[in-house]
């Protein structure tokens, strides 16, 4: 189901889906975001947030990683595992120090649209999609609204 959003006096349509990779080394989970400028369905922006891409952007995925779509579909959160004692024993209260990015929120979608309209997405000038396969890195580049709601 496509949802509508107004950004910069233009109407965009968007949808989010949870998918799984067939070929992966680390994790199969993917959140896919597709955004169209109304009237230009042939030139969508497609963002793939693959948990697999943690291997490229995080130095130690056992201590810090982006988690994709579980337990809440559409929600991506930063998991940080912090040792709280000198012998590296974990304190359960400090094990999860997270940032939540909810791809179901229009405010988050608006930020992606604003970023890519000012970058390299020109839906009125092309008939090809702009596909970003490693969109996970964008979570560390674009200031997005945090929180599940």
N, C-alpha and C. Protein backbone atom coordinates (compact mmCIF):
# COMPACT_ATOMS: atom_id res chain seq x y z
N UNK A 1 0.85 -1.19 0.00
CA UNK A 1 0.00 0.00 0.00
C UNK A 1 0.89 1.24 0.00
N UNK A 2 0.64 2.12 -0.95
CA UNK A 2 1.40 3.36 -1.04
C UNK A 2 0.80 4.42 -0.10
N UNK A 3 1.69 5.15 0.55
CA UNK A 3 1.28 6.25 1.42
C UNK A 3 1.70 7.56 0.77
N UNK A 4 0.98 8.64 1.06
CA UNK A 4 1.28 9.96 0.49
C UNK A 4 2.00 10.82 1.52
N UNK A 5 2.89 11.68 0.99
CA UNK A 5 3.55 12.66 1.83
C UNK A 5 3.85 13.89 0.97
N UNK A 6 3.69 15.07 1.56
CA UNK A 6 4.01 16.34 0.90
C UNK A 6 5.37 16.82 1.38
N UNK A 7 6.27 17.09 0.44
CA UNK A 7 7.58 17.65 0.77
C UNK A 7 7.89 18.70 -0.29
N UNK A 8 8.23 19.90 0.15
CA UNK A 8 8.60 21.00 -0.76
C UNK A 8 7.53 21.22 -1.83
N UNK A 9 6.27 21.25 -1.42
CA UNK A 9 5.13 21.50 -2.31
C UNK A 9 4.96 20.44 -3.41
N UNK A 10 5.51 19.26 -3.19
CA UNK A 10 5.33 18.16 -4.14
C UNK A 10 4.77 16.96 -3.39
N UNK A 11 4.02 16.14 -4.10
CA UNK A 11 3.44 14.93 -3.51
C UNK A 11 4.29 13.73 -3.88
N UNK A 12 4.65 12.98 -2.87
CA UNK A 12 5.42 11.75 -3.04
C UNK A 12 4.58 10.58 -2.52
N UNK A 13 4.81 9.42 -3.10
CA UNK A 13 4.18 8.19 -2.66
C UNK A 13 5.28 7.27 -2.17
N UNK A 14 5.03 6.53 -1.09
CA UNK A 14 6.09 5.67 -0.54
C UNK A 14 5.51 4.43 0.10
N UNK A 15 6.38 3.42 0.19
CA UNK A 15 6.03 2.18 0.89
C UNK A 15 7.29 1.58 1.47
N UNK A 16 7.09 0.80 2.52
CA UNK A 16 8.17 0.13 3.21
C UNK A 16 7.84 -1.35 3.30
N UNK A 17 8.84 -2.21 3.14
CA UNK A 17 8.60 -3.64 3.28
C UNK A 17 9.80 -4.31 3.95
N UNK A 18 9.52 -5.41 4.63
CA UNK A 18 10.58 -6.21 5.24
C UNK A 18 10.83 -7.39 4.32
N UNK A 19 12.10 -7.62 3.97
CA UNK A 19 12.47 -8.69 3.05
C UNK A 19 13.65 -9.48 3.61
N UNK A 20 13.97 -10.58 2.94
CA UNK A 20 15.11 -11.40 3.35
C UNK A 20 16.02 -11.68 2.15
N UNK A 21 17.31 -11.58 2.38
CA UNK A 21 18.31 -11.90 1.36
C UNK A 21 18.39 -13.42 1.19
N UNK A 22 18.60 -13.85 -0.04
CA UNK A 22 18.81 -15.27 -0.30
C UNK A 22 20.27 -15.64 -0.06
N UNK A 23 21.17 -14.71 -0.35
CA UNK A 23 22.61 -14.95 -0.20
C UNK A 23 23.17 -13.94 0.80
N UNK A 24 23.67 -14.43 1.93
CA UNK A 24 24.20 -13.54 2.95
C UNK A 24 25.25 -14.26 3.78
N UNK A 25 26.13 -13.45 4.43
CA UNK A 25 27.16 -13.99 5.32
C UNK A 25 26.80 -13.80 6.78
N UNK A 26 26.14 -12.68 7.09
CA UNK A 26 25.92 -12.28 8.47
C UNK A 26 24.44 -12.29 8.87
N UNK A 27 23.60 -11.66 8.08
CA UNK A 27 22.18 -11.56 8.41
C UNK A 27 21.35 -11.39 7.14
N UNK A 28 20.19 -12.00 7.12
CA UNK A 28 19.34 -11.96 5.94
C UNK A 28 18.32 -10.82 5.93
N UNK A 29 18.16 -10.08 7.02
CA UNK A 29 17.09 -9.08 7.14
C UNK A 29 17.38 -7.80 6.37
N UNK A 30 16.33 -7.31 5.70
CA UNK A 30 16.41 -6.08 4.91
C UNK A 30 15.11 -5.31 5.08
N UNK A 31 15.22 -4.01 5.30
CA UNK A 31 14.08 -3.12 5.20
C UNK A 31 14.24 -2.38 3.88
N UNK A 32 13.19 -2.41 3.06
CA UNK A 32 13.22 -1.76 1.74
C UNK A 32 12.25 -0.59 1.75
N UNK A 33 12.73 0.54 1.30
CA UNK A 33 11.93 1.75 1.22
C UNK A 33 11.90 2.20 -0.24
N UNK A 34 10.71 2.40 -0.78
CA UNK A 34 10.55 2.86 -2.16
C UNK A 34 9.74 4.15 -2.13
N UNK A 35 10.29 5.20 -2.76
CA UNK A 35 9.65 6.51 -2.79
C UNK A 35 9.54 6.97 -4.24
N UNK A 36 8.34 7.42 -4.62
CA UNK A 36 8.08 7.94 -5.96
C UNK A 36 7.63 9.39 -5.87
N UNK A 37 8.03 10.21 -6.82
CA UNK A 37 7.39 11.50 -7.02
C UNK A 37 6.10 11.20 -7.78
N UNK A 38 4.98 11.72 -7.31
CA UNK A 38 3.70 11.44 -7.95
C UNK A 38 3.77 11.78 -9.43
N UNK A 39 3.36 10.80 -10.26
CA UNK A 39 3.40 10.98 -11.71
C UNK A 39 4.68 10.50 -12.36
N UNK A 40 5.64 10.05 -11.56
CA UNK A 40 6.95 9.60 -12.07
C UNK A 40 7.31 8.24 -11.48
N UNK A 41 6.46 7.27 -11.71
CA UNK A 41 6.65 5.95 -11.09
C UNK A 41 7.85 5.19 -11.66
N UNK A 42 8.34 5.58 -12.83
CA UNK A 42 9.49 4.89 -13.44
C UNK A 42 10.82 5.31 -12.84
N UNK A 43 10.83 6.35 -12.01
CA UNK A 43 12.09 6.84 -11.45
C UNK A 43 12.05 6.93 -9.92
N UNK A 44 11.78 5.79 -9.27
CA UNK A 44 11.71 5.83 -7.81
C UNK A 44 13.09 5.88 -7.15
N UNK A 45 13.07 6.29 -5.91
CA UNK A 45 14.22 6.15 -5.03
C UNK A 45 14.00 4.85 -4.27
N UNK A 46 14.97 3.94 -4.33
CA UNK A 46 14.87 2.66 -3.62
C UNK A 46 16.03 2.55 -2.65
N UNK A 47 15.70 2.40 -1.38
CA UNK A 47 16.71 2.28 -0.33
C UNK A 47 16.61 0.91 0.30
N UNK A 48 17.74 0.21 0.39
CA UNK A 48 17.80 -1.11 1.00
C UNK A 48 18.66 -1.02 2.27
N UNK A 49 18.02 -1.19 3.42
CA UNK A 49 18.70 -1.18 4.71
C UNK A 49 18.96 -2.63 5.07
N UNK A 50 20.17 -3.11 4.78
CA UNK A 50 20.53 -4.52 4.96
C UNK A 50 21.37 -4.68 6.22
N UNK A 51 20.92 -5.52 7.12
CA UNK A 51 21.70 -5.78 8.33
C UNK A 51 23.07 -6.33 7.96
N UNK A 52 23.15 -7.00 6.85
CA UNK A 52 24.40 -7.55 6.32
C UNK A 52 25.48 -6.46 6.17
N UNK A 53 25.06 -5.23 5.89
CA UNK A 53 26.02 -4.15 5.64
C UNK A 53 26.70 -3.64 6.91
N UNK A 54 26.29 -4.11 8.09
CA UNK A 54 27.02 -3.80 9.31
C UNK A 54 28.49 -4.17 9.16
N UNK A 55 28.76 -5.23 8.43
CA UNK A 55 30.14 -5.70 8.27
C UNK A 55 31.02 -4.66 7.58
N UNK A 56 30.39 -3.78 6.77
CA UNK A 56 31.15 -2.74 6.07
C UNK A 56 31.29 -1.45 6.86
N UNK A 57 30.34 -1.16 7.77
CA UNK A 57 30.36 0.15 8.42
C UNK A 57 30.68 0.11 9.92
N UNK A 58 30.67 -1.05 10.52
CA UNK A 58 30.97 -1.17 11.95
C UNK A 58 32.23 -2.02 12.13
N UNK A 59 33.10 -1.59 13.04
CA UNK A 59 34.36 -2.30 13.23
C UNK A 59 34.19 -3.58 14.05
N UNK A 60 33.21 -3.62 14.96
CA UNK A 60 33.00 -4.80 15.80
C UNK A 60 31.51 -5.01 15.99
N UNK A 61 30.90 -5.86 15.16
CA UNK A 61 29.46 -6.05 15.21
C UNK A 61 28.99 -6.76 16.48
N UNK A 62 29.93 -7.30 17.27
CA UNK A 62 29.54 -7.88 18.55
C UNK A 62 29.33 -6.80 19.61
N UNK A 63 29.90 -5.61 19.37
CA UNK A 63 29.77 -4.52 20.34
C UNK A 63 28.80 -3.44 19.87
N UNK A 64 28.69 -3.25 18.55
CA UNK A 64 27.79 -2.22 18.03
C UNK A 64 27.36 -2.61 16.63
N UNK A 65 26.04 -2.54 16.39
CA UNK A 65 25.52 -2.88 15.07
C UNK A 65 24.11 -2.30 14.92
N UNK A 66 23.71 -2.09 13.68
CA UNK A 66 22.35 -1.71 13.36
C UNK A 66 21.54 -2.99 13.22
N UNK A 67 20.41 -3.07 13.91
CA UNK A 67 19.51 -4.22 13.85
C UNK A 67 18.29 -3.83 13.02
N UNK A 68 17.87 -4.74 12.16
CA UNK A 68 16.86 -4.42 11.15
C UNK A 68 15.56 -5.18 11.36
N UNK A 69 14.48 -4.43 11.57
CA UNK A 69 13.12 -4.94 11.46
C UNK A 69 12.65 -6.02 12.40
N UNK A 70 13.34 -6.28 13.48
CA UNK A 70 12.85 -7.26 14.44
C UNK A 70 13.17 -6.76 15.84
N UNK A 71 12.24 -6.67 16.73
CA UNK A 71 10.89 -7.25 16.70
C UNK A 71 9.85 -6.39 16.01
N UNK A 72 10.15 -5.13 15.66
CA UNK A 72 9.17 -4.25 15.01
C UNK A 72 9.55 -4.02 13.56
N UNK A 73 8.70 -4.47 12.63
CA UNK A 73 8.99 -4.24 11.21
C UNK A 73 9.05 -2.75 10.92
N UNK A 74 10.05 -2.37 10.16
CA UNK A 74 10.23 -0.98 9.79
C UNK A 74 11.10 -0.20 10.75
N UNK A 75 11.43 -0.79 11.89
CA UNK A 75 12.25 -0.10 12.89
C UNK A 75 13.68 -0.62 12.80
N UNK A 76 14.62 0.32 12.75
CA UNK A 76 16.04 -0.01 12.75
C UNK A 76 16.61 0.60 14.02
N UNK A 77 17.38 -0.16 14.76
CA UNK A 77 17.94 0.40 15.98
C UNK A 77 19.41 0.08 16.09
N UNK A 78 20.12 0.96 16.76
CA UNK A 78 21.54 0.78 16.99
C UNK A 78 21.71 0.05 18.31
N UNK A 79 22.28 -1.14 18.24
CA UNK A 79 22.53 -1.96 19.42
C UNK A 79 23.97 -1.72 19.86
N UNK A 80 24.13 -1.39 21.12
CA UNK A 80 25.47 -1.23 21.70
C UNK A 80 25.57 -2.13 22.91
N UNK A 81 26.58 -2.95 22.94
CA UNK A 81 26.82 -3.86 24.05
C UNK A 81 27.98 -3.28 24.84
N UNK A 82 27.68 -2.78 26.05
CA UNK A 82 28.70 -2.11 26.85
C UNK A 82 29.12 -2.96 28.05
N UNK A 83 30.38 -3.11 28.24
CA UNK A 83 30.89 -3.77 29.44
C UNK A 83 30.91 -2.74 30.56
N UNK A 84 30.40 -3.11 31.73
CA UNK A 84 30.27 -2.12 32.80
C UNK A 84 31.16 -2.42 34.01
N UNK A 85 31.89 -3.50 33.98
CA UNK A 85 32.75 -3.78 35.12
C UNK A 85 34.17 -4.05 34.63
N UNK A 86 35.16 -3.96 35.53
CA UNK A 86 36.55 -4.16 35.11
C UNK A 86 36.80 -5.51 34.46
N UNK A 87 36.07 -6.53 34.84
CA UNK A 87 36.30 -7.85 34.25
C UNK A 87 35.39 -8.09 33.03
N UNK A 88 34.81 -7.00 32.48
CA UNK A 88 33.98 -7.04 31.29
C UNK A 88 32.68 -7.81 31.45
N UNK A 89 32.20 -7.98 32.67
CA UNK A 89 30.90 -8.59 32.88
C UNK A 89 29.83 -7.59 32.45
N UNK A 90 28.76 -8.07 31.85
CA UNK A 90 27.71 -7.18 31.36
C UNK A 90 26.66 -6.93 32.43
N UNK A 91 26.28 -5.69 32.56
CA UNK A 91 25.17 -5.30 33.39
C UNK A 91 23.94 -5.28 32.48
N UNK A 92 22.90 -6.10 32.73
CA UNK A 92 21.75 -6.17 31.83
C UNK A 92 21.10 -4.81 31.57
N UNK A 93 21.11 -3.89 32.54
CA UNK A 93 20.52 -2.57 32.33
C UNK A 93 21.31 -1.75 31.32
N UNK A 94 22.57 -2.02 31.12
CA UNK A 94 23.40 -1.25 30.19
C UNK A 94 23.64 -1.97 28.87
N UNK A 95 23.11 -3.16 28.73
CA UNK A 95 23.39 -3.94 27.54
C UNK A 95 22.79 -3.31 26.28
N UNK A 96 21.62 -2.69 26.40
CA UNK A 96 20.97 -2.09 25.24
C UNK A 96 20.93 -0.58 25.39
N UNK A 97 21.78 0.09 24.67
CA UNK A 97 21.77 1.55 24.60
C UNK A 97 21.48 1.86 23.15
N UNK A 98 20.24 2.21 22.85
CA UNK A 98 19.84 2.21 21.45
C UNK A 98 19.36 3.55 20.93
N UNK A 99 19.45 3.69 19.62
CA UNK A 99 18.83 4.75 18.85
C UNK A 99 17.84 4.04 17.94
N UNK A 100 16.60 4.47 17.92
CA UNK A 100 15.58 3.87 17.07
C UNK A 100 15.28 4.78 15.88
N UNK A 101 15.26 4.22 14.68
CA UNK A 101 14.84 4.93 13.47
C UNK A 101 13.65 4.14 12.91
N UNK A 102 12.49 4.78 12.85
CA UNK A 102 11.28 4.10 12.41
C UNK A 102 10.95 4.51 10.98
N UNK A 103 11.13 3.59 10.06
CA UNK A 103 10.87 3.85 8.64
C UNK A 103 9.38 3.92 8.32
N UNK A 104 8.52 3.74 9.32
CA UNK A 104 7.08 3.89 9.14
C UNK A 104 6.63 5.33 9.41
N UNK A 105 7.53 6.16 9.92
CA UNK A 105 7.19 7.54 10.28
C UNK A 105 7.35 8.49 9.09
N UNK A 106 6.33 9.27 8.76
CA UNK A 106 6.47 10.25 7.68
C UNK A 106 7.60 11.24 7.89
N UNK A 107 7.90 11.60 9.13
CA UNK A 107 8.99 12.56 9.39
C UNK A 107 10.34 11.99 8.93
N UNK A 108 10.53 10.69 9.07
CA UNK A 108 11.77 10.04 8.61
C UNK A 108 11.80 10.02 7.08
N UNK A 109 10.67 9.69 6.47
CA UNK A 109 10.59 9.63 5.01
C UNK A 109 10.86 11.01 4.42
N UNK A 110 10.30 12.05 5.03
CA UNK A 110 10.53 13.42 4.55
C UNK A 110 12.01 13.77 4.56
N UNK A 111 12.73 13.35 5.60
CA UNK A 111 14.18 13.64 5.67
C UNK A 111 14.94 12.95 4.53
N UNK A 112 14.58 11.70 4.21
CA UNK A 112 15.22 11.01 3.09
C UNK A 112 14.92 11.73 1.77
N UNK A 113 13.67 12.13 1.58
CA UNK A 113 13.30 12.84 0.35
C UNK A 113 14.10 14.14 0.24
N UNK A 114 14.13 14.92 1.30
CA UNK A 114 14.88 16.19 1.28
C UNK A 114 16.35 15.97 0.97
N UNK A 115 16.94 14.95 1.56
CA UNK A 115 18.36 14.65 1.32
C UNK A 115 18.60 14.30 -0.15
N UNK A 116 17.81 13.39 -0.69
CA UNK A 116 18.10 12.90 -2.04
C UNK A 116 17.67 13.88 -3.13
N UNK A 117 16.66 14.69 -2.88
CA UNK A 117 16.31 15.73 -3.86
C UNK A 117 17.45 16.73 -4.00
N UNK A 118 18.17 16.98 -2.90
CA UNK A 118 19.30 17.91 -2.95
C UNK A 118 20.59 17.22 -3.40
N UNK A 119 20.56 15.91 -3.48
CA UNK A 119 21.76 15.16 -3.91
C UNK A 119 21.62 14.74 -5.37
N UNK A 120 21.31 13.46 -5.59
CA UNK A 120 21.37 12.95 -6.96
C UNK A 120 20.09 12.28 -7.45
N UNK A 121 18.96 12.52 -6.81
CA UNK A 121 17.70 11.95 -7.28
C UNK A 121 16.92 13.02 -8.04
N UNK A 122 16.74 12.80 -9.33
CA UNK A 122 16.04 13.75 -10.21
C UNK A 122 14.90 13.00 -10.92
N UNK A 123 13.81 12.67 -10.21
CA UNK A 123 12.77 11.83 -10.79
C UNK A 123 12.07 12.44 -12.00
N UNK A 124 12.05 13.77 -12.13
CA UNK A 124 11.41 14.41 -13.27
C UNK A 124 12.29 14.40 -14.52
N UNK A 125 13.58 14.09 -14.36
CA UNK A 125 14.52 14.17 -15.48
C UNK A 125 15.00 12.82 -15.99
N UNK A 126 14.61 11.75 -15.33
CA UNK A 126 15.09 10.42 -15.73
C UNK A 126 13.96 9.41 -15.67
N UNK A 127 14.16 8.29 -16.32
CA UNK A 127 13.18 7.21 -16.23
C UNK A 127 13.81 5.96 -15.60
N UNK A 128 14.89 6.19 -14.86
CA UNK A 128 15.57 5.10 -14.18
C UNK A 128 15.47 5.26 -12.68
N UNK A 129 15.36 4.16 -11.95
CA UNK A 129 15.34 4.27 -10.49
C UNK A 129 16.72 4.62 -9.94
N UNK A 130 16.74 5.31 -8.81
CA UNK A 130 17.97 5.52 -8.06
C UNK A 130 17.96 4.48 -6.95
N UNK A 131 18.89 3.54 -7.01
CA UNK A 131 18.92 2.42 -6.07
C UNK A 131 20.14 2.55 -5.16
N UNK A 132 19.87 2.58 -3.86
CA UNK A 132 20.94 2.63 -2.86
C UNK A 132 20.89 1.31 -2.11
N UNK A 133 21.82 0.41 -2.43
CA UNK A 133 21.81 -0.93 -1.83
C UNK A 133 22.36 -0.95 -0.41
N UNK A 134 23.25 -0.02 -0.08
CA UNK A 134 23.83 0.04 1.26
C UNK A 134 23.33 1.29 1.98
N UNK A 135 22.01 1.35 2.18
CA UNK A 135 21.40 2.54 2.80
C UNK A 135 21.66 2.61 4.30
N UNK A 136 22.13 1.54 4.89
CA UNK A 136 22.41 1.52 6.32
C UNK A 136 23.38 2.64 6.71
N UNK A 137 24.35 2.93 5.84
CA UNK A 137 25.32 3.99 6.13
C UNK A 137 24.66 5.36 6.22
N UNK A 138 23.51 5.54 5.59
CA UNK A 138 22.80 6.83 5.63
C UNK A 138 22.34 7.17 7.04
N UNK A 139 22.11 6.16 7.86
CA UNK A 139 21.65 6.39 9.23
C UNK A 139 22.70 7.13 10.04
N UNK A 140 23.95 7.07 9.60
CA UNK A 140 25.03 7.76 10.29
C UNK A 140 25.42 9.06 9.57
N UNK A 141 24.78 9.34 8.43
CA UNK A 141 25.11 10.53 7.65
C UNK A 141 24.00 11.58 7.69
N UNK A 142 22.76 11.16 7.78
CA UNK A 142 21.61 12.06 7.73
C UNK A 142 21.02 12.14 9.13
N UNK A 143 20.73 13.34 9.60
CA UNK A 143 20.11 13.49 10.91
C UNK A 143 18.62 13.18 10.78
N UNK A 144 18.22 12.04 11.31
CA UNK A 144 16.85 11.56 11.21
C UNK A 144 16.16 11.66 12.57
N UNK A 145 14.84 11.82 12.56
CA UNK A 145 14.11 11.78 13.83
C UNK A 145 14.27 10.40 14.48
N UNK A 146 14.55 10.39 15.76
CA UNK A 146 14.72 9.14 16.50
C UNK A 146 13.41 8.80 17.19
N UNK A 147 13.28 7.56 17.54
CA UNK A 147 12.13 7.10 18.32
C UNK A 147 11.18 6.28 17.48
N UNK A 148 10.44 5.44 18.18
CA UNK A 148 9.52 4.54 17.50
C UNK A 148 8.28 5.29 17.04
N UNK A 149 7.87 6.31 17.75
CA UNK A 149 6.66 7.07 17.37
C UNK A 149 7.02 8.45 16.89
